Amino acid sequence: MKEHEVEEKVYGMIQNQYQTQKLSHAYFIEKGNYANIEMLMKKIAKLFLCPKNGEHFNNCSTCDLIEKDIHPDFKEISPEGNMIKKEQLLNLKQLFKTTSSSNYRLYVIYEADKLNPASANTILKFLEEPEQGIIAFLIADNRYQVLETLLSRCQIINMPSLFSSDFSDEMINLLSDLTSSKKIYLDFKELLDSSFSLKESTKDLLDSMELYLHQLLLIKIGKKIPLPKQELFTNLTEDSIIKYIAILEEEKKKLTYNINYKLWLDHFLIRFMEVIS
């Protein structure tokens, strides 16, 4: 399933619950590598807040306010610095105390894994005592970096599980080497000279590895998903897979900067070896 098809599937899921009035008061969206999450959330906001139920997004004053991030009943919260602060959520609560002409109010917390203990406790109170018509959306790349107490109060939508990918044998074998105690020492030069030596190609490779590991993790927790060569990873534990996913996410971000690629690759491989040891 392509990215736009996954987007349509998630939107259709929410739309169906909206139309049948079977909405959850809170959703957690594990977005994985999906890049257009803010666009998707605005589309969902228009579904709830547009007088025409989001069917005609153009030439609509409500939709225009959403696009400009100034609609009073749609609030998006992102980390300030490296964390989401308690004050941001208290401001949200104060904002939603005012009267509204809409039947719904929506708030979105991006990078929900950046909630600090105080802000996590604050949002937990919101989720434990939901108010009529207020719907929360918590977003993060990986659910395993978000507090379980928050997840347990949300309907979870796992976007990576909706993707299907033609995983190459080359990628799977390389991932197997990276996670295998039998092949800790890789030929750095061979890897550098391969088609993965360019930053752009490397990011695509890491994206594919991360998606594979996400699906492997779902299999480990009991989901039945067809995944090629999964027998190569029978010795991997859930904990180690989670660690590998976190490494991939962190190292991909570094590729967006002006870095020494060879040094980056060296550090990347060492981090994988540390999980094995």
C-alpha atoms as a PDB file:
ATOM      1  CA  MET A   1       0.000   0.000   0.000  1.00  0.00           C
ATOM      2  CA  LYS A   2       1.411   3.375  -1.025  1.00  0.00           C
ATOM      3  CA  GLU A   3       1.675   6.354   1.334  1.00  0.00           C
ATOM      4  CA  HIS A   4      -1.364   8.176  -0.073  1.00  0.00           C
ATOM      5  CA  GLU A   5      -3.379   4.950   0.190  1.00  0.00           C
ATOM      6  CA  VAL A   6      -2.418   4.592   3.848  1.00  0.00           C
ATOM      7  CA  GLU A   7      -3.446   8.223   4.419  1.00  0.00           C
ATOM      8  CA  GLU A   8      -6.819   7.573   2.789  1.00  0.00           C
ATOM      9  CA  LYS A   9      -7.288   4.434   4.881  1.00  0.00           C
ATOM     10  CA  VAL A  10      -6.609   6.267   8.163  1.00  0.00           C
ATOM     11  CA  TYR A  11      -8.844   9.167   7.122  1.00  0.00           C
ATOM     12  CA  GLY A  12     -11.566   6.739   6.038  1.00  0.00           C
ATOM     13  CA  MET A  13     -11.367   4.975   9.398  1.00  0.00           C
ATOM     14  CA  ILE A  14     -11.911   8.232  11.295  1.00  0.00           C
ATOM     15  CA  GLN A  15     -14.577   9.367   8.824  1.00  0.00           C
ATOM     16  CA  ASN A  16     -16.536   6.136   9.298  1.00  0.00           C
ATOM     17  CA  GLN A  17     -16.449   6.512  13.082  1.00  0.00           C
ATOM     18  CA  TYR A  18     -17.532  10.141  12.724  1.00  0.00           C
ATOM     19  CA  GLN A  19     -20.453   9.253  10.478  1.00  0.00           C
ATOM     20  CA  THR A  20     -21.616   6.366  12.655  1.00  0.00           C
ATOM     21  CA  GLN A  21     -21.026   8.325  15.885  1.00  0.00           C
ATOM     22  CA  LYS A  22     -18.698   5.673  17.240  1.00  0.00           C
ATOM     23  CA  LEU A  23     -15.807   7.994  17.961  1.00  0.00           C
ATOM     24  CA  SER A  24     -13.142   7.465  20.558  1.00  0.00           C
ATOM     25  CA  HIS A  25     -12.328  10.389  22.842  1.00  0.00           C
ATOM     26  CA  ALA A  26      -8.620   9.863  22.117  1.00  0.00           C
ATOM     27  CA  TYR A  27      -6.491   8.412  19.333  1.00  0.00           C
ATOM     28  CA  PHE A  28      -2.833   7.551  19.229  1.00  0.00           C
ATOM     29  CA  ILE A  29      -1.389   7.486  15.728  1.00  0.00           C
ATOM     30  CA  GLU A  30       1.901   5.665  15.353  1.00  0.00           C
ATOM     31  CA  LYS A  31       3.063   7.290  12.157  1.00  0.00           C
ATOM     32  CA  GLY A  32       6.361   5.534  11.527  1.00  0.00           C
ATOM     33  CA  ASN A  33       7.956   7.126   8.468  1.00  0.00           C
ATOM     34  CA  TYR A  34       4.805   8.869   7.267  1.00  0.00           C
ATOM     35  CA  ALA A  35       5.846  12.454   6.496  1.00  0.00           C
ATOM     36  CA  ASN A  36       2.567  14.330   5.918  1.00  0.00           C
ATOM     37  CA  ILE A  37       0.972  13.881   9.326  1.00  0.00           C
ATOM     38  CA  GLU A  38       0.194  17.591   9.809  1.00  0.00           C
ATOM     39  CA  MET A  39      -1.610  17.713   6.481  1.00  0.00           C
ATOM     40  CA  LEU A  40      -3.604  14.613   7.444  1.00  0.00           C
ATOM     41  CA  MET A  41      -4.564  16.101  10.809  1.00  0.00           C
ATOM     42  CA  LYS A  42      -5.827  19.269   9.154  1.00  0.00           C
ATOM     43  CA  LYS A  43      -7.896  17.144   6.797  1.00  0.00           C
ATOM     44  CA  ILE A  44      -9.390  15.323   9.795  1.00  0.00           C
ATOM     45  CA  ALA A  45     -10.042  18.650  11.548  1.00  0.00           C
ATOM     46  CA  LYS A  46     -11.973  19.841   8.502  1.00  0.00           C
ATOM     47  CA  LEU A  47     -14.094  16.706   8.646  1.00  0.00           C
ATOM     48  CA  PHE A  48     -15.179  17.564  12.192  1.00  0.00           C
ATOM     49  CA  LEU A  49     -15.390  21.343  12.038  1.00  0.00           C
ATOM     50  CA  CYS A  50     -16.427  22.231   8.484  1.00  0.00           C
ATOM     51  CA  PRO A  51     -20.192  22.984   8.187  1.00  0.00           C
ATOM     52  CA  LYS A  52     -20.261  20.745   5.117  1.00  0.00           C
ATOM     53  CA  ASN A  53     -18.636  17.881   7.033  1.00  0.00           C
ATOM     54  CA  GLY A  54     -15.342  18.333   5.257  1.00  0.00           C
ATOM     55  CA  GLU A  55     -16.711  17.441   1.834  1.00  0.00           C
ATOM     56  CA  HIS A  56     -15.785  20.740   0.204  1.00  0.00           C
ATOM     57  CA  PHE A  57     -12.506  22.006   1.593  1.00  0.00           C
ATOM     58  CA  ASN A  58     -12.103  24.872  -0.871  1.00  0.00           C
ATOM     59  CA  ASN A  59     -13.782  28.263  -0.557  1.00  0.00           C
ATOM     60  CA  CYS A  60     -14.745  27.585   3.059  1.00  0.00           C
ATOM     61  CA  SER A  61     -14.000  30.083   5.828  1.00  0.00           C
ATOM     62  CA  THR A  62     -13.774  27.320   8.451  1.00  0.00           C
ATOM     63  CA  CYS A  63     -11.273  25.331   6.407  1.00  0.00           C
ATOM     64  CA  ASP A  64      -9.310  28.511   5.761  1.00  0.00           C
ATOM     65  CA  LEU A  65      -8.983  29.110   9.521  1.00  0.00           C
ATOM     66  CA  ILE A  66      -7.751  25.554   9.987  1.00  0.00           C
ATOM     67  CA  GLU A  67      -5.150  25.957   7.252  1.00  0.00           C
ATOM     68  CA  LYS A  68      -3.938  29.176   8.870  1.00  0.00           C
ATOM     69  CA  ASP A  69      -3.732  27.518  12.320  1.00  0.00           C
ATOM     70  CA  ILE A  70      -6.137  30.007  13.878  1.00  0.00           C
ATOM     71  CA  HIS A  71      -9.350  28.017  14.258  1.00  0.00           C
ATOM     72  CA  PRO A  72     -10.359  28.261  17.958  1.00  0.00           C
ATOM     73  CA  ASP A  73     -11.540  24.648  18.092  1.00  0.00           C
ATOM     74  CA  PHE A  74      -8.447  23.059  16.583  1.00  0.00           C
ATOM     75  CA  LYS A  75      -5.221  23.227  18.541  1.00  0.00           C
ATOM     76  CA  GLU A  76      -1.879  21.707  17.547  1.00  0.00           C
ATOM     77  CA  ILE A  77       0.873  21.285  20.125  1.00  0.00           C
ATOM     78  CA  SER A  78       4.517  20.580  19.290  1.00  0.00           C
ATOM     79  CA  PRO A  79       7.581  20.375  21.553  1.00  0.00           C
ATOM     80  CA  GLU A  80       9.146  23.615  22.721  1.00  0.00           C
ATOM     81  CA  GLY A  81      12.807  22.776  22.483  1.00  0.00           C
ATOM     82  CA  ASN A  82      13.187  19.106  23.313  1.00  0.00           C
ATOM     83  CA  MET A  83       9.996  18.603  25.282  1.00  0.00           C
ATOM     84  CA  ILE A  84       6.297  19.314  25.551  1.00  0.00           C
ATOM     85  CA  LYS A  85       5.795  21.388  28.672  1.00  0.00           C
ATOM     86  CA  LYS A  86       3.012  21.269  31.223  1.00  0.00           C
ATOM     87  CA  GLU A  87       2.226  24.928  30.593  1.00  0.00           C
ATOM     88  CA  GLN A  88       1.376  24.192  26.962  1.00  0.00           C
ATOM     89  CA  LEU A  89      -1.299  21.731  28.051  1.00  0.00           C
ATOM     90  CA  LEU A  90      -2.660  23.991  30.767  1.00  0.00           C
ATOM     91  CA  ASN A  91      -3.033  26.728  28.153  1.00  0.00           C
ATOM     92  CA  LEU A  92      -4.936  24.237  26.021  1.00  0.00           C
ATOM     93  CA  LYS A  93      -7.286  23.417  28.872  1.00  0.00           C
ATOM     94  CA  GLN A  94      -7.901  27.123  29.509  1.00  0.00           C
ATOM     95  CA  LEU A  95      -8.581  27.719  25.820  1.00  0.00           C
ATOM     96  CA  PHE A  96     -11.152  24.946  25.664  1.00  0.00           C
ATOM     97  CA  LYS A  97     -13.006  26.320  28.682  1.00  0.00           C
ATOM     98  CA  THR A  98     -14.437  29.068  26.493  1.00  0.00           C
ATOM     99  CA  THR A  99     -17.763  28.521  24.757  1.00  0.00           C
ATOM    100  CA  SER A 100     -17.835  27.193  21.225  1.00  0.00           C
ATOM    101  CA  SER A 101     -20.319  27.059  18.391  1.00  0.00           C
ATOM    102  CA  SER A 102     -18.829  23.765  17.145  1.00  0.00           C
ATOM    103  CA  ASN A 103     -19.984  20.323  18.195  1.00  0.00           C
ATOM    104  CA  TYR A 104     -16.379  19.171  18.424  1.00  0.00           C
ATOM    105  CA  ARG A 105     -13.028  20.436  19.564  1.00  0.00           C
ATOM    106  CA  LEU A 106      -9.822  18.739  18.529  1.00  0.00           C
ATOM    107  CA  TYR A 107      -6.287  18.912  19.806  1.00  0.00           C
ATOM    108  CA  VAL A 108      -3.204  17.249  18.384  1.00  0.00           C
ATOM    109  CA  ILE A 109      -0.008  16.548  20.299  1.00  0.00           C
ATOM    110  CA  TYR A 110       2.868  15.931  17.891  1.00  0.00           C
ATOM    111  CA  GLU A 111       5.908  13.985  19.108  1.00  0.00           C
ATOM    112  CA  ALA A 112       4.006  12.668  22.114  1.00  0.00           C
ATOM    113  CA  ASP A 113       7.167  10.830  23.151  1.00  0.00           C
ATOM    114  CA  LYS A 114       8.531  14.275  24.139  1.00  0.00           C
ATOM    115  CA  LEU A 115       6.031  14.682  27.006  1.00  0.00           C
ATOM    116  CA  ASN A 116       8.003  15.205  30.214  1.00  0.00           C
ATOM    117  CA  PRO A 117       6.704  13.665  33.497  1.00  0.00           C
ATOM    118  CA  ALA A 118       4.720  16.781  34.448  1.00  0.00           C
ATOM    119  CA  SER A 119       3.113  17.253  31.043  1.00  0.00           C
ATOM    120  CA  ALA A 120       2.420  13.512  30.703  1.00  0.00           C
ATOM    121  CA  ASN A 121       0.600  13.576  34.025  1.00  0.00           C
ATOM    122  CA  THR A 122      -1.406  16.606  32.884  1.00  0.00           C
ATOM    123  CA  ILE A 123      -2.510  15.038  29.604  1.00  0.00           C
ATOM    124  CA  LEU A 124      -3.286  11.799  31.445  1.00  0.00           C
ATOM    125  CA  LYS A 125      -5.841  13.687  33.530  1.00  0.00           C
ATOM    126  CA  PHE A 126      -7.417  15.024  30.331  1.00  0.00           C
ATOM    127  CA  LEU A 127      -7.677  11.501  28.936  1.00  0.00           C
ATOM    128  CA  GLU A 128      -9.029   9.996  32.157  1.00  0.00           C
ATOM    129  CA  GLU A 129     -11.806  12.589  32.372  1.00  0.00           C
ATOM    130  CA  PRO A 130     -12.815  13.243  28.750  1.00  0.00           C
ATOM    131  CA  GLU A 131     -15.230  16.078  28.102  1.00  0.00           C
ATOM    132  CA  GLN A 132     -18.067  15.787  25.625  1.00  0.00           C
ATOM    133  CA  GLY A 133     -17.011  16.709  22.105  1.00  0.00           C
ATOM    134  CA  ILE A 134     -13.293  17.072  22.838  1.00  0.00           C
ATOM    135  CA  ILE A 135     -11.140  14.629  20.879  1.00  0.00           C
ATOM    136  CA  ALA A 136      -7.416  14.112  21.376  1.00  0.00           C
ATOM    137  CA  PHE A 137      -4.886  12.936  18.812  1.00  0.00           C
ATOM    138  CA  LEU A 138      -1.458  11.915  20.091  1.00  0.00           C
ATOM    139  CA  ILE A 139       1.183  11.412  17.409  1.00  0.00           C
ATOM    140  CA  ALA A 140       4.583   9.729  17.575  1.00  0.00           C
ATOM    141  CA  ASP A 141       6.893   7.789  15.283  1.00  0.00           C
ATOM    142  CA  ASN A 142       7.003   4.803  17.595  1.00  0.00           C
ATOM    143  CA  ARG A 143       4.469   3.755  20.237  1.00  0.00           C
ATOM    144  CA  TYR A 144       7.148   2.063  22.334  1.00  0.00           C
ATOM    145  CA  GLN A 145       8.633   5.439  23.244  1.00  0.00           C
ATOM    146  CA  VAL A 146       5.300   6.668  24.645  1.00  0.00           C
ATOM    147  CA  LEU A 147       4.051   5.948  28.166  1.00  0.00           C
ATOM    148  CA  GLU A 148       1.848   2.871  28.298  1.00  0.00           C
ATOM    149  CA  THR A 149      -0.565   4.689  30.648  1.00  0.00           C
ATOM    150  CA  LEU A 150      -1.280   7.164  27.842  1.00  0.00           C
ATOM    151  CA  LEU A 151      -1.601   4.504  25.150  1.00  0.00           C
ATOM    152  CA  SER A 152      -4.049   2.488  27.234  1.00  0.00           C
ATOM    153  CA  ARG A 153      -6.518   5.365  27.074  1.00  0.00           C
ATOM    154  CA  CYS A 154      -6.329   5.805  23.311  1.00  0.00           C
ATOM    155  CA  GLN A 155      -7.485   3.953  20.255  1.00  0.00           C
ATOM    156  CA  ILE A 156      -4.232   3.040  18.514  1.00  0.00           C
ATOM    157  CA  ILE A 157      -3.835   3.473  14.776  1.00  0.00           C
ATOM    158  CA  ASN A 158      -0.625   1.895  13.527  1.00  0.00           C
ATOM    159  CA  MET A 159       0.309   3.390  10.174  1.00  0.00           C
ATOM    160  CA  PRO A 160       3.438   1.242   9.531  1.00  0.00           C
ATOM    161  CA  SER A 161       1.318  -1.927   9.698  1.00  0.00           C
ATOM    162  CA  LEU A 162      -0.814  -0.550   6.857  1.00  0.00           C
ATOM    163  CA  PHE A 163       2.168  -0.292   4.541  1.00  0.00           C
ATOM    164  CA  SER A 164       3.277  -3.202   2.433  1.00  0.00           C
ATOM    165  CA  SER A 165       6.743  -3.083   0.999  1.00  0.00           C
ATOM    166  CA  ASP A 166       8.746  -5.131  -1.457  1.00  0.00           C
ATOM    167  CA  PHE A 167      11.663  -5.634   0.902  1.00  0.00           C
ATOM    168  CA  SER A 168      14.781  -6.438  -1.077  1.00  0.00           C
ATOM    169  CA  ASP A 169      16.856  -9.492  -0.208  1.00  0.00           C
ATOM    170  CA  GLU A 170      19.883  -7.176  -0.065  1.00  0.00           C
ATOM    171  CA  MET A 171      18.270  -5.014   2.621  1.00  0.00           C
ATOM    172  CA  ILE A 172      17.048  -7.987   4.668  1.00  0.00           C
ATOM    173  CA  ASN A 173      20.425  -9.699   4.522  1.00  0.00           C
ATOM    174  CA  LEU A 174      22.215  -6.506   5.546  1.00  0.00           C
ATOM    175  CA  LEU A 175      19.800  -6.004   8.439  1.00  0.00           C
ATOM    176  CA  SER A 176      20.367  -9.608   9.467  1.00  0.00           C
ATOM    177  CA  ASP A 177      24.138  -9.008   9.440  1.00  0.00           C
ATOM    178  CA  LEU A 178      23.742  -5.832  11.481  1.00  0.00           C
ATOM    179  CA  THR A 179      21.669  -7.598  14.146  1.00  0.00           C
ATOM    180  CA  SER A 180      23.568 -10.891  14.183  1.00  0.00           C
ATOM    181  CA  SER A 181      26.192 -11.699  16.777  1.00  0.00           C
ATOM    182  CA  LYS A 182      27.847 -13.946  14.192  1.00  0.00           C
ATOM    183  CA  LYS A 183      28.657 -11.064  11.869  1.00  0.00           C
ATOM    184  CA  ILE A 184      29.468  -8.131  14.098  1.00  0.00           C
ATOM    185  CA  TYR A 185      32.464  -6.995  12.081  1.00  0.00           C
ATOM    186  CA  LEU A 186      31.238  -5.666   8.758  1.00  0.00           C
ATOM    187  CA  ASP A 187      33.421  -4.593   5.874  1.00  0.00           C
ATOM    188  CA  PHE A 188      32.989  -0.808   6.151  1.00  0.00           C
ATOM    189  CA  LYS A 189      34.648  -0.145   2.832  1.00  0.00           C
ATOM    190  CA  GLU A 190      32.368  -2.554   0.994  1.00  0.00           C
ATOM    191  CA  LEU A 191      29.356  -0.842   2.489  1.00  0.00           C
ATOM    192  CA  LEU A 192      30.704   2.590   1.613  1.00  0.00           C
ATOM    193  CA  ASP A 193      31.331   1.531  -1.967  1.00  0.00           C
ATOM    194  CA  SER A 194      27.850   0.076  -2.340  1.00  0.00           C
ATOM    195  CA  SER A 195      24.788   1.866  -3.675  1.00  0.00           C
ATOM    196  CA  PHE A 196      23.987   2.837  -0.099  1.00  0.00           C
ATOM    197  CA  SER A 197      26.933   5.230   0.164  1.00  0.00           C
ATOM    198  CA  LEU A 198      24.908   8.302  -0.802  1.00  0.00           C
ATOM    199  CA  LYS A 199      22.948   9.997   1.948  1.00  0.00           C
ATOM    200  CA  GLU A 200      19.686   9.899   0.001  1.00  0.00           C
ATOM    201  CA  SER A 201      20.032   6.197  -0.745  1.00  0.00           C
ATOM    202  CA  THR A 202      21.036   5.505   2.844  1.00  0.00           C
ATOM    203  CA  LYS A 203      17.925   7.204   4.183  1.00  0.00           C
ATOM    204  CA  ASP A 204      15.762   5.071   1.904  1.00  0.00           C
ATOM    205  CA  LEU A 205      17.610   2.012   3.174  1.00  0.00           C
ATOM    206  CA  LEU A 206      17.103   2.997   6.818  1.00  0.00           C
ATOM    207  CA  ASP A 207      13.423   3.729   6.146  1.00  0.00           C
ATOM    208  CA  SER A 208      13.035   0.237   4.725  1.00  0.00           C
ATOM    209  CA  MET A 209      14.899  -1.304   7.661  1.00  0.00           C
ATOM    210  CA  GLU A 210      12.733   0.559  10.146  1.00  0.00           C
ATOM    211  CA  LEU A 211       9.527  -0.510   8.414  1.00  0.00           C
ATOM    212  CA  TYR A 212      10.728  -4.121   8.377  1.00  0.00           C
ATOM    213  CA  LEU A 213      11.541  -3.977  12.099  1.00  0.00           C
ATOM    214  CA  HIS A 214       8.150  -2.440  12.887  1.00  0.00           C
ATOM    215  CA  GLN A 215       6.456  -5.354  11.158  1.00  0.00           C
ATOM    216  CA  LEU A 216       8.809  -7.836  12.794  1.00  0.00           C
ATOM    217  CA  LEU A 217       7.894  -6.380  16.187  1.00  0.00           C
ATOM    218  CA  LEU A 218       4.193  -6.835  15.452  1.00  0.00           C
ATOM    219  CA  ILE A 219       4.900 -10.490  14.654  1.00  0.00           C
ATOM    220  CA  LYS A 220       6.816 -10.862  17.934  1.00  0.00           C
ATOM    221  CA  ILE A 221       3.774  -9.657  19.895  1.00  0.00           C
ATOM    222  CA  GLY A 222       1.455 -12.087  18.156  1.00  0.00           C
ATOM    223  CA  LYS A 223       0.257 -10.388  14.978  1.00  0.00           C
ATOM    224  CA  LYS A 224       0.092 -12.515  11.849  1.00  0.00           C
ATOM    225  CA  ILE A 225       1.818 -10.518   9.106  1.00  0.00           C
ATOM    226  CA  PRO A 226       3.490 -11.977   6.025  1.00  0.00           C
ATOM    227  CA  LEU A 227       7.119 -10.914   6.168  1.00  0.00           C
ATOM    228  CA  PRO A 228       9.904 -12.343   3.990  1.00  0.00           C
ATOM    229  CA  LYS A 229      12.875 -14.033   5.670  1.00  0.00           C
ATOM    230  CA  GLN A 230      11.561 -13.424   9.166  1.00  0.00           C
ATOM    231  CA  GLU A 231      13.255 -16.673  10.198  1.00  0.00           C
ATOM    232  CA  LEU A 232      16.588 -14.803  10.076  1.00  0.00           C
ATOM    233  CA  PHE A 233      15.503 -12.797  13.134  1.00  0.00           C
ATOM    234  CA  THR A 234      14.120 -15.485  15.447  1.00  0.00           C
ATOM    235  CA  ASN A 235      16.746 -14.672  18.088  1.00  0.00           C
ATOM    236  CA  LEU A 236      15.841 -10.989  18.286  1.00  0.00           C
ATOM    237  CA  THR A 237      13.910  -9.966  21.389  1.00  0.00           C
ATOM    238  CA  GLU A 238      11.170  -7.331  21.474  1.00  0.00           C
ATOM    239  CA  ASP A 239      13.469  -5.113  23.541  1.00  0.00           C
ATOM    240  CA  SER A 240      16.332  -5.300  21.034  1.00  0.00           C
ATOM    241  CA  ILE A 241      13.991  -4.560  18.107  1.00  0.00           C
ATOM    242  CA  ILE A 242      12.699  -1.474  19.915  1.00  0.00           C
ATOM    243  CA  LYS A 243      16.298  -0.346  20.480  1.00  0.00           C
ATOM    244  CA  TYR A 244      17.169  -0.839  16.816  1.00  0.00           C
ATOM    245  CA  ILE A 245      14.115   1.167  15.722  1.00  0.00           C
ATOM    246  CA  ALA A 246      15.122   4.011  18.040  1.00  0.00           C
ATOM    247  CA  ILE A 247      18.678   3.991  16.642  1.00  0.00           C
ATOM    248  CA  LEU A 248      17.396   4.115  13.069  1.00  0.00           C
ATOM    249  CA  GLU A 249      15.110   7.047  13.859  1.00  0.00           C
ATOM    250  CA  GLU A 250      17.896   9.002  15.551  1.00  0.00           C
ATOM    251  CA  GLU A 251      20.523   8.274  12.908  1.00  0.00           C
ATOM    252  CA  LYS A 252      18.202   9.194  10.021  1.00  0.00           C
ATOM    253  CA  LYS A 253      17.800  12.661  11.493  1.00  0.00           C
ATOM    254  CA  LYS A 254      21.579  13.138  11.445  1.00  0.00           C
ATOM    255  CA  LEU A 255      21.605  12.542   7.685  1.00  0.00           C
ATOM    256  CA  THR A 256      19.689  15.788   7.198  1.00  0.00           C
ATOM    257  CA  TYR A 257      22.739  17.732   8.395  1.00  0.00           C
ATOM    258  CA  ASN A 258      26.092  18.390   6.777  1.00  0.00           C
ATOM    259  CA  ILE A 259      28.005  15.473   8.253  1.00  0.00           C
ATOM    260  CA  ASN A 260      31.049  13.390   7.428  1.00  0.00           C
ATOM    261  CA  TYR A 261      29.321  10.369   5.952  1.00  0.00           C
ATOM    262  CA  LYS A 262      32.094   7.877   6.691  1.00  0.00           C
ATOM    263  CA  LEU A 263      32.259   8.929  10.358  1.00  0.00           C
ATOM    264  CA  TRP A 264      28.473   8.783  10.565  1.00  0.00           C
ATOM    265  CA  LEU A 265      28.424   5.248   9.140  1.00  0.00           C
ATOM    266  CA  ASP A 266      31.133   4.139  11.552  1.00  0.00           C
ATOM    267  CA  HIS A 267      29.153   5.507  14.508  1.00  0.00           C
ATOM    268  CA  PHE A 268      25.908   4.007  13.195  1.00  0.00           C
ATOM    269  CA  LEU A 269      27.380   0.511  12.945  1.00  0.00           C
ATOM    270  CA  ILE A 270      28.975   0.766  16.387  1.00  0.00           C
ATOM    271  CA  ARG A 271      25.580   1.651  17.897  1.00  0.00           C
ATOM    272  CA  PHE A 272      24.081  -1.482  16.355  1.00  0.00           C
ATOM    273  CA  MET A 273      26.946  -3.576  17.739  1.00  0.00           C
ATOM    274  CA  GLU A 274      26.341  -2.168  21.220  1.00  0.00           C
ATOM    275  CA  VAL A 275      22.788  -3.558  21.198  1.00  0.00           C
ATOM    276  CA  ILE A 276      24.169  -7.019  20.396  1.00  0.00           C
ATOM    277  CA  SER A 277      26.768  -6.847  23.152  1.00  0.00           C
END
